[in-house]
Amino acid sequence: MEDFSFAPLRDSMPGRGRILTAVFKRESKKVKKCGVFSKFLAAGFEVLHVGINIQASVFIRQMKRFSPHVIILFCQGNISGIKELIEAIKGEGMRSMVRVIVYGSSIRESVRRSSR
């Protein structure tokens, strides 16, 4: 695994950064807590996890409430959910306000391009 430092991301944000996360997956099995959360917390970020397979309107509402600098979308098979959410964020005119990180086993180049 490639060594990754959160320092450049943290240093580019005023004060403590805020991160909003959600998980999109095909199965309804329980998702284990991700070690990434603890790394972001240890680096001084505020992290709010919205939920699993949530509707875009719920995520947008939380974006407006929490004002994140970064959104992290974990994908475990539900690529269409992520694409719909990114389109909803663009539709609300909020895409330019956040950095989007999409990752998981199902991510392809088309998903990366659509998140811009």
PDB file of N, CA and C in Angstrom:
ATOM      1  N   MET A   1       0.835  -1.173   0.000  1.00  0.00           N
ATOM      2  CA  MET A   1       0.000   0.000   0.000  1.00  0.00           C
ATOM      3  C   MET A   1       0.885   1.243   0.000  1.00  0.00           C
ATOM      4  N   GLU A   2       0.506   2.225  -0.767  1.00  0.00           N
ATOM      5  CA  GLU A   2       1.261   3.460  -0.883  1.00  0.00           C
ATOM      6  C   GLU A   2       1.146   4.281   0.397  1.00  0.00           C
ATOM      7  N   ASP A   3       2.263   4.850   0.845  1.00  0.00           N
ATOM      8  CA  ASP A   3       2.267   5.681   2.039  1.00  0.00           C
ATOM      9  C   ASP A   3       1.576   6.998   1.712  1.00  0.00           C
ATOM     10  N   PHE A   4       0.689   7.456   2.584  1.00  0.00           N
ATOM     11  CA  PHE A   4      -0.108   8.651   2.326  1.00  0.00           C
ATOM     12  C   PHE A   4      -0.085   9.545   3.539  1.00  0.00           C
ATOM     13  N   SER A   5       0.083  10.818   3.325  1.00  0.00           N
ATOM     14  CA  SER A   5       0.091  11.780   4.424  1.00  0.00           C
ATOM     15  C   SER A   5      -1.087  12.730   4.262  1.00  0.00           C
ATOM     16  N   PHE A   6      -1.776  13.020   5.363  1.00  0.00           N
ATOM     17  CA  PHE A   6      -2.899  13.950   5.338  1.00  0.00           C
ATOM     18  C   PHE A   6      -2.440  15.393   5.540  1.00  0.00           C
ATOM     19  N   ALA A   7      -1.173  15.601   5.854  1.00  0.00           N
ATOM     20  CA  ALA A   7      -0.664  16.939   6.152  1.00  0.00           C
ATOM     21  C   ALA A   7      -0.909  17.941   5.020  1.00  0.00           C
ATOM     22  N   PRO A   8      -0.606  17.623   3.738  1.00  0.00           N
ATOM     23  CA  PRO A   8      -0.847  18.618   2.687  1.00  0.00           C
ATOM     24  C   PRO A   8      -2.322  19.001   2.578  1.00  0.00           C
ATOM     25  N   LEU A   9      -3.225  18.042   2.726  1.00  0.00           N
ATOM     26  CA  LEU A   9      -4.651  18.324   2.651  1.00  0.00           C
ATOM     27  C   LEU A   9      -5.075  19.181   3.835  1.00  0.00           C
ATOM     28  N   ARG A  10      -4.629  18.817   5.035  1.00  0.00           N
ATOM     29  CA  ARG A  10      -4.988  19.561   6.246  1.00  0.00           C
ATOM     30  C   ARG A  10      -4.427  20.978   6.187  1.00  0.00           C
ATOM     31  N   ASP A  11      -3.178  21.127   5.730  1.00  0.00           N
ATOM     32  CA  ASP A  11      -2.537  22.433   5.699  1.00  0.00           C
ATOM     33  C   ASP A  11      -3.155  23.370   4.669  1.00  0.00           C
ATOM     34  N   SER A  12      -3.874  22.823   3.687  1.00  0.00           N
ATOM     35  CA  SER A  12      -4.490  23.669   2.662  1.00  0.00           C
ATOM     36  C   SER A  12      -5.844  24.207   3.093  1.00  0.00           C
ATOM     37  N   MET A  13      -6.332  23.816   4.273  1.00  0.00           N
ATOM     38  CA  MET A  13      -7.645  24.228   4.748  1.00  0.00           C
ATOM     39  C   MET A  13      -7.509  25.163   5.943  1.00  0.00           C
ATOM     40  N   PRO A  14      -8.375  26.174   6.017  1.00  0.00           N
ATOM     41  CA  PRO A  14      -8.315  27.074   7.163  1.00  0.00           C
ATOM     42  C   PRO A  14      -8.785  26.367   8.437  1.00  0.00           C
ATOM     43  N   GLY A  15      -8.018  26.462   9.499  1.00  0.00           N
ATOM     44  CA  GLY A  15      -8.420  25.842  10.762  1.00  0.00           C
ATOM     45  C   GLY A  15      -8.560  24.346  10.625  1.00  0.00           C
ATOM     46  N   ARG A  16      -9.474  23.795  11.385  1.00  0.00           N
ATOM     47  CA  ARG A  16      -9.748  22.359  11.293  1.00  0.00           C
ATOM     48  C   ARG A  16     -10.631  22.084  10.093  1.00  0.00           C
ATOM     49  N   GLY A  17     -10.260  21.096   9.329  1.00  0.00           N
ATOM     50  CA  GLY A  17     -11.070  20.730   8.173  1.00  0.00           C
ATOM     51  C   GLY A  17     -12.245  19.860   8.583  1.00  0.00           C
ATOM     52  N   ARG A  18     -13.310  19.894   7.788  1.00  0.00           N
ATOM     53  CA  ARG A  18     -14.492  19.071   8.040  1.00  0.00           C
ATOM     54  C   ARG A  18     -14.682  18.106   6.875  1.00  0.00           C
ATOM     55  N   ILE A  19     -14.942  16.857   7.222  1.00  0.00           N
ATOM     56  CA  ILE A  19     -15.099  15.806   6.222  1.00  0.00           C
ATOM     57  C   ILE A  19     -16.454  15.141   6.420  1.00  0.00           C
ATOM     58  N   LEU A  20     -17.190  15.000   5.336  1.00  0.00           N
ATOM     59  CA  LEU A  20     -18.488  14.336   5.337  1.00  0.00           C
ATOM     60  C   LEU A  20     -18.330  13.025   4.574  1.00  0.00           C
ATOM     61  N   THR A  21     -18.794  11.921   5.152  1.00  0.00           N
ATOM     62  CA  THR A  21     -18.615  10.619   4.511  1.00  0.00           C
ATOM     63  C   THR A  21     -19.940   9.886   4.354  1.00  0.00           C
ATOM     64  N   ALA A  22     -19.961   8.975   3.403  1.00  0.00           N
ATOM     65  CA  ALA A  22     -21.102   8.080   3.197  1.00  0.00           C
ATOM     66  C   ALA A  22     -20.585   6.809   2.533  1.00  0.00           C
ATOM     67  N   VAL A  23     -21.338   5.727   2.691  1.00  0.00           N
ATOM     68  CA  VAL A  23     -20.979   4.442   2.100  1.00  0.00           C
ATOM     69  C   VAL A  23     -22.080   4.045   1.125  1.00  0.00           C
ATOM     70  N   PHE A  24     -21.678   3.620  -0.068  1.00  0.00           N
ATOM     71  CA  PHE A  24     -22.618   3.130  -1.070  1.00  0.00           C
ATOM     72  C   PHE A  24     -22.225   1.702  -1.400  1.00  0.00           C
ATOM     73  N   LYS A  25     -23.141   0.770  -1.124  1.00  0.00           N
ATOM     74  CA  LYS A  25     -22.815  -0.634  -1.347  1.00  0.00           C
ATOM     75  C   LYS A  25     -24.019  -1.388  -1.876  1.00  0.00           C
ATOM     76  N   ARG A  26     -23.750  -2.505  -2.495  1.00  0.00           N
ATOM     77  CA  ARG A  26     -24.800  -3.311  -3.097  1.00  0.00           C
ATOM     78  C   ARG A  26     -25.517  -4.146  -2.046  1.00  0.00           C
ATOM     79  N   GLU A  27     -24.787  -4.785  -1.168  1.00  0.00           N
ATOM     80  CA  GLU A  27     -25.399  -5.653  -0.167  1.00  0.00           C
ATOM     81  C   GLU A  27     -25.792  -4.841   1.066  1.00  0.00           C
ATOM     82  N   SER A  28     -26.682  -5.402   1.870  1.00  0.00           N
ATOM     83  CA  SER A  28     -27.102  -4.697   3.073  1.00  0.00           C
ATOM     84  C   SER A  28     -26.381  -5.209   4.318  1.00  0.00           C
ATOM     85  N   LYS A  29     -25.252  -5.899   4.118  1.00  0.00           N
ATOM     86  CA  LYS A  29     -24.472  -6.379   5.258  1.00  0.00           C
ATOM     87  C   LYS A  29     -23.850  -5.197   5.992  1.00  0.00           C
ATOM     88  N   LYS A  30     -23.528  -5.426   7.237  1.00  0.00           N
ATOM     89  CA  LYS A  30     -22.937  -4.381   8.058  1.00  0.00           C
ATOM     90  C   LYS A  30     -21.549  -4.004   7.528  1.00  0.00           C
ATOM     91  N   VAL A  31     -21.272  -2.723   7.492  1.00  0.00           N
ATOM     92  CA  VAL A  31     -19.963  -2.230   7.068  1.00  0.00           C
ATOM     93  C   VAL A  31     -19.113  -2.044   8.310  1.00  0.00           C
ATOM     94  N   LYS A  32     -17.912  -2.606   8.273  1.00  0.00           N
ATOM     95  CA  LYS A  32     -17.004  -2.433   9.399  1.00  0.00           C
ATOM     96  C   LYS A  32     -16.481  -1.006   9.421  1.00  0.00           C
ATOM     97  N   LYS A  33     -16.189  -0.503  10.607  1.00  0.00           N
ATOM     98  CA  LYS A  33     -15.619   0.841  10.733  1.00  0.00           C
ATOM     99  C   LYS A  33     -14.319   0.907   9.953  1.00  0.00           C
ATOM    100  N   CYS A  34     -14.148   1.950   9.245  1.00  0.00           N
ATOM    101  CA  CYS A  34     -12.970   2.117   8.405  1.00  0.00           C
ATOM    102  C   CYS A  34     -11.864   2.805   9.190  1.00  0.00           C
ATOM    103  N   GLY A  35     -10.659   2.303   9.064  1.00  0.00           N
ATOM    104  CA  GLY A  35      -9.516   2.889   9.741  1.00  0.00           C
ATOM    105  C   GLY A  35      -9.215   4.304   9.290  1.00  0.00           C
ATOM    106  N   VAL A  36      -9.750   4.682   8.129  1.00  0.00           N
ATOM    107  CA  VAL A  36      -9.516   6.022   7.618  1.00  0.00           C
ATOM    108  C   VAL A  36     -10.108   7.065   8.561  1.00  0.00           C
ATOM    109  N   PHE A  37     -11.271   6.770   9.156  1.00  0.00           N
ATOM    110  CA  PHE A  37     -11.896   7.729  10.067  1.00  0.00           C
ATOM    111  C   PHE A  37     -10.942   8.120  11.185  1.00  0.00           C
ATOM    112  N   SER A  38     -10.324   7.130  11.805  1.00  0.00           N
ATOM    113  CA  SER A  38      -9.432   7.420  12.927  1.00  0.00           C
ATOM    114  C   SER A  38      -8.210   8.200  12.480  1.00  0.00           C
ATOM    115  N   LYS A  39      -7.739   7.958  11.261  1.00  0.00           N
ATOM    116  CA  LYS A  39      -6.591   8.709  10.754  1.00  0.00           C
ATOM    117  C   LYS A  39      -6.956  10.176  10.534  1.00  0.00           C
ATOM    118  N   PHE A  40      -8.122  10.412   9.975  1.00  0.00           N
ATOM    119  CA  PHE A  40      -8.560  11.797   9.781  1.00  0.00           C
ATOM    120  C   PHE A  40      -8.784  12.490  11.122  1.00  0.00           C
ATOM    121  N   LEU A  41      -9.397  11.801  12.060  1.00  0.00           N
ATOM    122  CA  LEU A  41      -9.614  12.377  13.388  1.00  0.00           C
ATOM    123  C   LEU A  41      -8.287  12.701  14.064  1.00  0.00           C
ATOM    124  N   ALA A  42      -7.326  11.794  13.959  1.00  0.00           N
ATOM    125  CA  ALA A  42      -6.012  12.015  14.564  1.00  0.00           C
ATOM    126  C   ALA A  42      -5.291  13.195  13.908  1.00  0.00           C
ATOM    127  N   ALA A  43      -5.576  13.444  12.640  1.00  0.00           N
ATOM    128  CA  ALA A  43      -4.952  14.558  11.928  1.00  0.00           C
ATOM    129  C   ALA A  43      -5.644  15.885  12.227  1.00  0.00           C
ATOM    130  N   GLY A  44      -6.722  15.866  13.036  1.00  0.00           N
ATOM    131  CA  GLY A  44      -7.381  17.097  13.445  1.00  0.00           C
ATOM    132  C   GLY A  44      -8.634  17.467  12.669  1.00  0.00           C
ATOM    133  N   PHE A  45      -9.130  16.562  11.839  1.00  0.00           N
ATOM    134  CA  PHE A  45     -10.349  16.839  11.079  1.00  0.00           C
ATOM    135  C   PHE A  45     -11.590  16.525  11.910  1.00  0.00           C
ATOM    136  N   GLU A  46     -12.667  17.224  11.616  1.00  0.00           N
ATOM    137  CA  GLU A  46     -13.970  16.830  12.130  1.00  0.00           C
ATOM    138  C   GLU A  46     -14.574  15.901  11.077  1.00  0.00           C
ATOM    139  N   VAL A  47     -15.092  14.750  11.494  1.00  0.00           N
ATOM    140  CA  VAL A  47     -15.642  13.783  10.552  1.00  0.00           C
ATOM    141  C   VAL A  47     -17.087  13.497  10.913  1.00  0.00           C
ATOM    142  N   LEU A  48     -17.980  13.614   9.930  1.00  0.00           N
ATOM    143  CA  LEU A  48     -19.387  13.270  10.118  1.00  0.00           C
ATOM    144  C   LEU A  48     -19.748  12.201   9.103  1.00  0.00           C
ATOM    145  N   HIS A  49     -20.173  11.035   9.595  1.00  0.00           N
ATOM    146  CA  HIS A  49     -20.598   9.945   8.709  1.00  0.00           C
ATOM    147  C   HIS A  49     -22.113  10.018   8.574  1.00  0.00           C
ATOM    148  N   VAL A  50     -22.590  10.200   7.338  1.00  0.00           N
ATOM    149  CA  VAL A  50     -24.015  10.377   7.086  1.00  0.00           C
ATOM    150  C   VAL A  50     -24.768   9.053   7.116  1.00  0.00           C
ATOM    151  N   GLY A  51     -24.200   7.984   6.557  1.00  0.00           N
ATOM    152  CA  GLY A  51     -24.877   6.697   6.583  1.00  0.00           C
ATOM    153  C   GLY A  51     -24.555   5.829   5.390  1.00  0.00           C
ATOM    154  N   ILE A  52     -25.380   4.793   5.231  1.00  0.00           N
ATOM    155  CA  ILE A  52     -25.188   3.811   4.168  1.00  0.00           C
ATOM    156  C   ILE A  52     -26.351   3.877   3.191  1.00  0.00           C
ATOM    157  N   ASN A  53     -26.023   3.960   1.905  1.00  0.00           N
ATOM    158  CA  ASN A  53     -27.024   3.999   0.828  1.00  0.00           C
ATOM    159  C   ASN A  53     -28.111   5.041   1.084  1.00  0.00           C
ATOM    160  N   ILE A  54     -27.705   6.216   1.457  1.00  0.00           N
ATOM    161  CA  ILE A  54     -28.668   7.279   1.767  1.00  0.00           C
ATOM    162  C   ILE A  54     -29.118   7.971   0.496  1.00  0.00           C
ATOM    163  N   GLN A  55     -30.226   8.668   0.584  1.00  0.00           N
ATOM    164  CA  GLN A  55     -30.724   9.425  -0.557  1.00  0.00           C
ATOM    165  C   GLN A  55     -29.888  10.682  -0.737  1.00  0.00           C
ATOM    166  N   ALA A  56     -29.792  11.140  -1.970  1.00  0.00           N
ATOM    167  CA  ALA A  56     -29.006  12.336  -2.271  1.00  0.00           C
ATOM    168  C   ALA A  56     -29.525  13.540  -1.490  1.00  0.00           C
ATOM    169  N   SER A  57     -30.840  13.653  -1.324  1.00  0.00           N
ATOM    170  CA  SER A  57     -31.407  14.804  -0.608  1.00  0.00           C
ATOM    171  C   SER A  57     -30.941  14.857   0.841  1.00  0.00           C
ATOM    172  N   VAL A  58     -30.787  13.691   1.472  1.00  0.00           N
ATOM    173  CA  VAL A  58     -30.303  13.637   2.855  1.00  0.00           C
ATOM    174  C   VAL A  58     -28.847  14.080   2.909  1.00  0.00           C
ATOM    175  N   PHE A  59     -28.044  13.615   1.962  1.00  0.00           N
ATOM    176  CA  PHE A  59     -26.628  13.991   1.937  1.00  0.00           C
ATOM    177  C   PHE A  59     -26.478  15.490   1.691  1.00  0.00           C
ATOM    178  N   ILE A  60     -27.256  16.032   0.756  1.00  0.00           N
ATOM    179  CA  ILE A  60     -27.204  17.468   0.449  1.00  0.00           C
ATOM    180  C   ILE A  60     -27.585  18.281   1.683  1.00  0.00           C
ATOM    181  N   ARG A  61     -28.617  17.852   2.388  1.00  0.00           N
ATOM    182  CA  ARG A  61     -29.045  18.547   3.609  1.00  0.00           C
ATOM    183  C   ARG A  61     -27.910  18.573   4.638  1.00  0.00           C
ATOM    184  N   GLN A  62     -27.212  17.442   4.778  1.00  0.00           N
ATOM    185  CA  GLN A  62     -26.091  17.380   5.717  1.00  0.00           C
ATOM    186  C   GLN A  62     -24.904  18.221   5.227  1.00  0.00           C
ATOM    187  N   MET A  63     -24.710  18.289   3.914  1.00  0.00           N
ATOM    188  CA  MET A  63     -23.651  19.154   3.372  1.00  0.00           C
ATOM    189  C   MET A  63     -23.918  20.607   3.736  1.00  0.00           C
ATOM    190  N   LYS A  64     -25.172  21.029   3.596  1.00  0.00           N
ATOM    191  CA  LYS A  64     -25.531  22.418   3.919  1.00  0.00           C
ATOM    192  C   LYS A  64     -25.355  22.691   5.408  1.00  0.00           C
ATOM    193  N   ARG A  65     -25.679  21.719   6.248  1.00  0.00           N
ATOM    194  CA  ARG A  65     -25.581  21.873   7.699  1.00  0.00           C
ATOM    195  C   ARG A  65     -24.139  21.850   8.192  1.00  0.00           C
ATOM    196  N   PHE A  66     -23.335  20.944   7.664  1.00  0.00           N
ATOM    197  CA  PHE A  66     -21.982  20.681   8.172  1.00  0.00           C
ATOM    198  C   PHE A  66     -20.904  21.504   7.456  1.00  0.00           C
ATOM    199  N   SER A  67     -21.182  21.979   6.240  1.00  0.00           N
ATOM    200  CA  SER A  67     -20.224  22.743   5.419  1.00  0.00           C
ATOM    201  C   SER A  67     -18.852  22.062   5.335  1.00  0.00           C
ATOM    202  N   PRO A  68     -18.799  20.870   4.756  1.00  0.00           N
ATOM    203  CA  PRO A  68     -17.519  20.151   4.704  1.00  0.00           C
ATOM    204  C   PRO A  68     -16.559  20.754   3.691  1.00  0.00           C
ATOM    205  N   HIS A  69     -15.275  20.508   3.908  1.00  0.00           N
ATOM    206  CA  HIS A  69     -14.247  20.873   2.940  1.00  0.00           C
ATOM    207  C   HIS A  69     -14.028  19.716   1.971  1.00  0.00           C
ATOM    208  N   VAL A  70     -14.258  18.496   2.462  1.00  0.00           N
ATOM    209  CA  VAL A  70     -14.029  17.273   1.690  1.00  0.00           C
ATOM    210  C   VAL A  70     -15.206  16.342   1.910  1.00  0.00           C
ATOM    211  N   ILE A  71     -15.627  15.642   0.848  1.00  0.00           N
ATOM    212  CA  ILE A  71     -16.577  14.546   1.027  1.00  0.00           C
ATOM    213  C   ILE A  71     -15.888  13.271   0.554  1.00  0.00           C
ATOM    214  N   ILE A  72     -16.068  12.220   1.339  1.00  0.00           N
ATOM    215  CA  ILE A  72     -15.475  10.924   1.009  1.00  0.00           C
ATOM    216  C   ILE A  72     -16.611   9.937   0.811  1.00  0.00           C
ATOM    217  N   LEU A  73     -16.640   9.316  -0.358  1.00  0.00           N
ATOM    218  CA  LEU A  73     -17.683   8.360  -0.691  1.00  0.00           C
ATOM    219  C   LEU A  73     -17.046   6.984  -0.866  1.00  0.00           C
ATOM    220  N   PHE A  74     -17.390   6.060   0.008  1.00  0.00           N
ATOM    221  CA  PHE A  74     -16.880   4.693  -0.054  1.00  0.00           C
ATOM    222  C   PHE A  74     -17.820   3.887  -0.945  1.00  0.00           C
ATOM    223  N   CYS A  75     -17.270   3.225  -1.953  1.00  0.00           N
ATOM    224  CA  CYS A  75     -18.104   2.461  -2.873  1.00  0.00           C
ATOM    225  C   CYS A  75     -17.796   0.976  -2.761  1.00  0.00           C
ATOM    226  N   GLN A  76     -18.826   0.202  -2.461  1.00  0.00           N
ATOM    227  CA  GLN A  76     -18.689  -1.252  -2.401  1.00  0.00           C
ATOM    228  C   GLN A  76     -19.713  -1.895  -3.326  1.00  0.00           C
ATOM    229  N   GLY A  77     -19.777  -1.430  -4.551  1.00  0.00           N
ATOM    230  CA  GLY A  77     -20.648  -2.043  -5.539  1.00  0.00           C
ATOM    231  C   GLY A  77     -21.785  -1.181  -6.028  1.00  0.00           C
ATOM    232  N   ASN A  78     -22.155  -0.118  -5.326  1.00  0.00           N
ATOM    233  CA  ASN A  78     -23.273   0.722  -5.733  1.00  0.00           C
ATOM    234  C   ASN A  78     -22.767   1.988  -6.420  1.00  0.00           C
ATOM    235  N   ILE A  79     -22.224   1.818  -7.607  1.00  0.00           N
ATOM    236  CA  ILE A  79     -21.659   2.946  -8.349  1.00  0.00           C
ATOM    237  C   ILE A  79     -22.741   3.923  -8.763  1.00  0.00           C
ATOM    238  N   SER A  80     -23.920   3.434  -9.105  1.00  0.00           N
ATOM    239  CA  SER A  80     -24.991   4.327  -9.546  1.00  0.00           C
ATOM    240  C   SER A  80     -25.393   5.287  -8.420  1.00  0.00           C
ATOM    241  N   GLY A  81     -25.345   4.836  -7.179  1.00  0.00           N
ATOM    242  CA  GLY A  81     -25.677   5.713  -6.052  1.00  0.00           C
ATOM    243  C   GLY A  81     -24.699   6.869  -5.939  1.00  0.00           C
ATOM    244  N   ILE A  82     -23.430   6.585  -6.162  1.00  0.00           N
ATOM    245  CA  ILE A  82     -22.412   7.636  -6.104  1.00  0.00           C
ATOM    246  C   ILE A  82     -22.578   8.613  -7.261  1.00  0.00           C
ATOM    247  N   LYS A  83     -22.815   8.093  -8.454  1.00  0.00           N
ATOM    248  CA  LYS A  83     -23.007   8.970  -9.608  1.00  0.00           C
ATOM    249  C   LYS A  83     -24.215   9.881  -9.409  1.00  0.00           C
ATOM    250  N   GLU A  84     -25.316   9.330  -8.899  1.00  0.00           N
ATOM    251  CA  GLU A  84     -26.512  10.143  -8.641  1.00  0.00           C
ATOM    252  C   GLU A  84     -26.228  11.229  -7.615  1.00  0.00           C
ATOM    253  N   LEU A  85     -25.491  10.885  -6.577  1.00  0.00           N
ATOM    254  CA  LEU A  85     -25.172  11.858  -5.539  1.00  0.00           C
ATOM    255  C   LEU A  85     -24.304  12.985  -6.090  1.00  0.00           C
ATOM    256  N   ILE A  86     -23.293  12.648  -6.871  1.00  0.00           N
ATOM    257  CA  ILE A  86     -22.429  13.686  -7.437  1.00  0.00           C
ATOM    258  C   ILE A  86     -23.213  14.596  -8.370  1.00  0.00           C
ATOM    259  N   GLU A  87     -24.106  14.027  -9.160  1.00  0.00           N
ATOM    260  CA  GLU A  87     -24.953  14.849 -10.034  1.00  0.00           C
ATOM    261  C   GLU A  87     -25.863  15.769  -9.212  1.00  0.00           C
ATOM    262  N   ALA A  88     -26.388  15.273  -8.101  1.00  0.00           N
ATOM    263  CA  ALA A  88     -27.237  16.105  -7.232  1.00  0.00           C
ATOM    264  C   ALA A  88     -26.423  17.246  -6.619  1.00  0.00           C
ATOM    265  N   ILE A  89     -25.192  16.962  -6.228  1.00  0.00           N
ATOM    266  CA  ILE A  89     -24.319  18.001  -5.665  1.00  0.00           C
ATOM    267  C   ILE A  89     -24.038  19.065  -6.722  1.00  0.00           C
ATOM    268  N   LYS A  90     -23.772  18.629  -7.958  1.00  0.00           N
ATOM    269  CA  LYS A  90     -23.565  19.584  -9.057  1.00  0.00           C
ATOM    270  C   LYS A  90     -24.824  20.402  -9.290  1.00  0.00           C
ATOM    271  N   GLY A  91     -25.993  19.737  -9.269  1.00  0.00           N
ATOM    272  CA  GLY A  91     -27.268  20.410  -9.490  1.00  0.00           C
ATOM    273  C   GLY A  91     -27.569  21.481  -8.447  1.00  0.00           C
ATOM    274  N   GLU A  92     -27.090  21.280  -7.224  1.00  0.00           N
ATOM    275  CA  GLU A  92     -27.281  22.256  -6.140  1.00  0.00           C
ATOM    276  C   GLU A  92     -26.232  23.363  -6.188  1.00  0.00           C
ATOM    277  N   GLY A  93     -25.276  23.257  -7.130  1.00  0.00           N
ATOM    278  CA  GLY A  93     -24.230  24.264  -7.247  1.00  0.00           C
ATOM    279  C   GLY A  93     -23.199  24.191  -6.135  1.00  0.00           C
ATOM    280  N   MET A  94     -23.050  23.017  -5.514  1.00  0.00           N
ATOM    281  CA  MET A  94     -22.147  22.872  -4.374  1.00  0.00           C
ATOM    282  C   MET A  94     -20.860  22.130  -4.726  1.00  0.00           C
ATOM    283  N   ARG A  95     -20.707  21.673  -5.953  1.00  0.00           N
ATOM    284  CA  ARG A  95     -19.546  20.860  -6.319  1.00  0.00           C
ATOM    285  C   ARG A  95     -18.243  21.629  -6.182  1.00  0.00           C
ATOM    286  N   SER A  96     -18.241  22.915  -6.506  1.00  0.00           N
ATOM    287  CA  SER A  96     -17.012  23.702  -6.436  1.00  0.00           C
ATOM    288  C   SER A  96     -16.587  24.016  -5.002  1.00  0.00           C
ATOM    289  N   MET A  97     -17.445  23.750  -4.033  1.00  0.00           N
ATOM    290  CA  MET A  97     -17.158  24.058  -2.631  1.00  0.00           C
ATOM    291  C   MET A  97     -16.394  22.952  -1.912  1.00  0.00           C
ATOM    292  N   VAL A  98     -16.341  21.743  -2.486  1.00  0.00           N
ATOM    293  CA  VAL A  98     -15.739  20.613  -1.786  1.00  0.00           C
ATOM    294  C   VAL A  98     -14.801  19.828  -2.697  1.00  0.00           C
ATOM    295  N   ARG A  99     -13.877  19.148  -2.069  1.00  0.00           N
ATOM    296  CA  ARG A  99     -13.070  18.148  -2.772  1.00  0.00           C
ATOM    297  C   ARG A  99     -13.797  16.822  -2.599  1.00  0.00           C
ATOM    298  N   VAL A 100     -13.853  16.041  -3.658  1.00  0.00           N
ATOM    299  CA  VAL A 100     -14.550  14.760  -3.616  1.00  0.00           C
ATOM    300  C   VAL A 100     -13.528  13.638  -3.710  1.00  0.00           C
ATOM    301  N   ILE A 101     -13.598  12.716  -2.746  1.00  0.00           N
ATOM    302  CA  ILE A 101     -12.763  11.520  -2.782  1.00  0.00           C
ATOM    303  C   ILE A 101     -13.702  10.330  -2.886  1.00  0.00           C
ATOM    304  N   VAL A 102     -13.566   9.570  -3.956  1.00  0.00           N
ATOM    305  CA  VAL A 102     -14.373   8.373  -4.164  1.00  0.00           C
ATOM    306  C   VAL A 102     -13.419   7.200  -4.214  1.00  0.00           C
ATOM    307  N   TYR A 103     -13.662   6.195  -3.375  1.00  0.00           N
ATOM    308  CA  TYR A 103     -12.799   5.024  -3.453  1.00  0.00           C
ATOM    309  C   TYR A 103     -13.537   3.766  -3.052  1.00  0.00           C
ATOM    310  N   GLY A 104     -12.964   2.651  -3.463  1.00  0.00           N
ATOM    311  CA  GLY A 104     -13.540   1.348  -3.179  1.00  0.00           C
ATOM    312  C   GLY A 104     -13.162   0.374  -4.267  1.00  0.00           C
ATOM    313  N   SER A 105     -13.603  -0.849  -4.101  1.00  0.00           N
ATOM    314  CA  SER A 105     -13.227  -1.910  -5.026  1.00  0.00           C
ATOM    315  C   SER A 105     -13.904  -1.785  -6.387  1.00  0.00           C
ATOM    316  N   SER A 106     -14.969  -1.017  -6.491  1.00  0.00           N
ATOM    317  CA  SER A 106     -15.736  -0.947  -7.738  1.00  0.00           C
ATOM    318  C   SER A 106     -15.476   0.312  -8.558  1.00  0.00           C
ATOM    319  N   ILE A 107     -14.507   1.112  -8.180  1.00  0.00           N
ATOM    320  CA  ILE A 107     -14.283   2.389  -8.851  1.00  0.00           C
ATOM    321  C   ILE A 107     -13.568   2.178 -10.180  1.00  0.00           C
ATOM    322  N   ARG A 108     -14.107   2.798 -11.197  1.00  0.00           N
ATOM    323  CA  ARG A 108     -13.545   2.749 -12.540  1.00  0.00           C
ATOM    324  C   ARG A 108     -13.263   4.179 -12.997  1.00  0.00           C
ATOM    325  N   GLU A 109     -12.584   4.302 -14.110  1.00  0.00           N
ATOM    326  CA  GLU A 109     -12.229   5.604 -14.666  1.00  0.00           C
ATOM    327  C   GLU A 109     -13.460   6.470 -14.928  1.00  0.00           C
ATOM    328  N   SER A 110     -14.553   5.878 -15.372  1.00  0.00           N
ATOM    329  CA  SER A 110     -15.772   6.651 -15.661  1.00  0.00           C
ATOM    330  C   SER A 110     -16.323   7.313 -14.405  1.00  0.00           C
ATOM    331  N   VAL A 111     -16.206   6.653 -13.260  1.00  0.00           N
ATOM    332  CA  VAL A 111     -16.670   7.236 -12.000  1.00  0.00           C
ATOM    333  C   VAL A 111     -15.770   8.403 -11.622  1.00  0.00           C
ATOM    334  N   ARG A 112     -14.484   8.240 -11.797  1.00  0.00           N
ATOM    335  CA  ARG A 112     -13.543   9.315 -11.475  1.00  0.00           C
ATOM    336  C   ARG A 112     -13.832  10.550 -12.330  1.00  0.00           C
ATOM    337  N   ARG A 113     -14.061  10.349 -13.612  1.00  0.00           N
ATOM    338  CA  ARG A 113     -14.338  11.480 -14.506  1.00  0.00           C
ATOM    339  C   ARG A 113     -15.648  12.167 -14.128  1.00  0.00           C
ATOM    340  N   SER A 114     -16.664  11.405 -13.731  1.00  0.00           N
ATOM    341  CA  SER A 114     -17.962  12.011 -13.412  1.00  0.00           C
ATOM    342  C   SER A 114     -17.943  12.775 -12.100  1.00  0.00           C
ATOM    343  N   SER A 115     -16.931  12.565 -11.266  1.00  0.00           N
ATOM    344  CA  SER A 115     -16.884  13.254  -9.968  1.00  0.00           C
ATOM    345  C   SER A 115     -16.279  14.647 -10.085  1.00  0.00           C
ATOM    346  N   ARG A 116     -15.809  15.012 -11.239  1.00  0.00           N
ATOM    347  CA  ARG A 116     -15.199  16.342 -11.436  1.00  0.00           C
ATOM    348  C   ARG A 116     -16.230  17.405 -11.627  1.00  0.00           C
TER     349      ARG A 116
END
